[in-house]
């Protein structure tokens, strides 16, 4: 299987265009700041999808165990700031089953 070579910023730009063109996505914020009195982080997207708040983190590089764990830690940090939101990782290629399981174990879609 050939993996798509795309820079992360290009992938974010393409996703933003798709989200903005789809009527079920609303309140789309790109590079959205997530803040509490004690913490601050920036997610690639925060939006509403069919009334549910999503926090979407984009990854476009080749993902190996260490990068998967790092992405999970980053997304779980976002979850600590916005606990009522659904956490999503967007990747422009198909993940190996073991990596899908790692994300699923932490309720990251």
Protein backbone atom coordinates (compact mmCIF):
# COMPACT_ATOMS: atom_id res chain seq x y z
CA UNK A 1 0.00 0.00 0.00
CA UNK A 2 1.35 3.42 -0.96
CA UNK A 3 1.00 6.07 1.70
CA UNK A 4 -0.11 9.52 0.69
CA UNK A 5 2.64 12.11 1.13
CA UNK A 6 1.01 15.28 2.38
CA UNK A 7 2.26 17.95 4.74
CA UNK A 8 0.19 18.37 7.87
CA UNK A 9 -0.68 22.00 7.11
CA UNK A 10 -1.94 20.99 3.65
CA UNK A 11 -4.05 18.23 5.16
CA UNK A 12 -5.51 20.67 7.72
CA UNK A 13 -6.34 23.11 4.91
CA UNK A 14 -8.09 20.40 2.87
CA UNK A 15 -10.05 19.17 5.89
CA UNK A 16 -11.13 22.74 6.67
CA UNK A 17 -12.49 23.10 3.13
CA UNK A 18 -14.39 19.81 3.45
CA UNK A 19 -15.80 20.68 6.88
CA UNK A 20 -16.92 24.12 5.70
CA UNK A 21 -18.65 22.58 2.67
CA UNK A 22 -20.58 20.02 4.73
CA UNK A 23 -23.81 21.19 6.39
CA UNK A 24 -23.40 18.89 9.43
CA UNK A 25 -20.20 20.66 10.53
CA UNK A 26 -20.71 23.97 12.31
CA UNK A 27 -18.71 26.42 14.43
CA UNK A 28 -15.46 25.26 12.84
CA UNK A 29 -12.36 26.65 14.53
CA UNK A 30 -8.96 25.93 12.99
CA UNK A 31 -5.98 25.88 15.36
CA UNK A 32 -8.35 26.48 18.24
CA UNK A 33 -7.04 27.44 21.64
CA UNK A 34 -8.31 25.25 24.48
CA UNK A 35 -7.96 27.03 27.78
CA UNK A 36 -8.73 26.71 31.45
CA UNK A 37 -7.42 28.91 34.25
CA UNK A 38 -4.47 26.51 34.66
CA UNK A 39 -3.79 25.19 31.17
CA UNK A 40 -3.64 26.12 27.52
CA UNK A 41 -3.28 24.02 24.37
CA UNK A 42 -4.03 24.37 20.68
CA UNK A 43 -5.99 21.71 18.79
CA UNK A 44 -6.04 21.53 15.01
CA UNK A 45 -9.86 21.75 14.94
CA UNK A 46 -12.74 22.27 17.31
CA UNK A 47 -16.19 22.06 15.77
CA UNK A 48 -19.75 20.90 16.17
CA UNK A 49 -20.82 17.85 14.19
CA UNK A 50 -24.51 17.04 14.35
CA UNK A 51 -24.67 18.89 17.66
CA UNK A 52 -21.69 17.10 19.22
CA UNK A 53 -18.49 18.96 20.03
CA UNK A 54 -15.41 17.44 18.39
CA UNK A 55 -11.76 18.10 19.06
CA UNK A 56 -9.77 16.92 16.05
CA UNK A 57 -6.01 16.44 16.03
CA UNK A 58 -4.34 15.99 12.63
CA UNK A 59 -1.32 13.77 12.10
CA UNK A 60 0.19 13.23 8.69
CA UNK A 61 3.62 11.75 9.31
CA UNK A 62 4.34 8.04 9.45
CA UNK A 63 3.06 6.83 12.78
CA UNK A 64 5.06 4.35 14.82
CA UNK A 65 4.59 3.24 18.43
CA UNK A 66 6.30 6.29 19.97
CA UNK A 67 4.40 8.78 17.82
CA UNK A 68 1.11 7.01 18.51
CA UNK A 69 1.72 7.21 22.26
CA UNK A 70 2.68 10.88 21.95
CA UNK A 71 -0.47 11.64 19.92
CA UNK A 72 -2.62 9.83 22.49
CA UNK A 73 -1.04 11.82 25.34
CA UNK A 74 -1.64 15.06 23.45
CA UNK A 75 -5.29 14.20 22.74
CA UNK A 76 -5.89 13.05 26.33
CA UNK A 77 -4.56 16.42 27.47
CA UNK A 78 -7.17 18.08 25.24
CA UNK A 79 -9.78 15.79 26.84
CA UNK A 80 -8.74 17.03 30.28
CA UNK A 81 -9.51 20.58 29.12
CA UNK A 82 -12.76 19.75 27.27
CA UNK A 83 -14.04 16.59 28.99
CA UNK A 84 -17.47 16.62 27.32
CA UNK A 85 -16.03 16.61 23.80
CA UNK A 86 -15.42 13.68 21.48
CA UNK A 87 -11.75 13.27 20.62
CA UNK A 88 -10.82 12.47 17.03
CA UNK A 89 -7.53 11.89 15.24
CA UNK A 90 -7.46 12.60 11.50
CA UNK A 91 -4.84 10.77 9.45
CA UNK A 92 -4.61 10.75 5.62
CA UNK A 93 -3.88 7.03 5.42
CA UNK A 94 -5.15 3.80 6.90
CA UNK A 95 -3.78 2.91 10.31
CA UNK A 96 -2.50 -0.52 11.18
CA UNK A 97 -5.02 -2.44 13.32
CA UNK A 98 -2.79 -2.34 16.42
CA UNK A 99 -2.67 1.47 16.21
CA UNK A 100 -6.43 1.70 15.73
CA UNK A 101 -6.78 -0.35 18.91
CA UNK A 102 -4.40 1.94 20.82
CA UNK A 103 -6.55 4.97 19.95
CA UNK A 104 -9.80 3.09 20.62
CA UNK A 105 -8.58 2.05 24.11
CA UNK A 106 -8.63 5.75 24.96
CA UNK A 107 -11.96 6.49 23.25
CA UNK A 108 -10.25 8.38 20.43
CA UNK A 109 -11.94 7.92 17.09
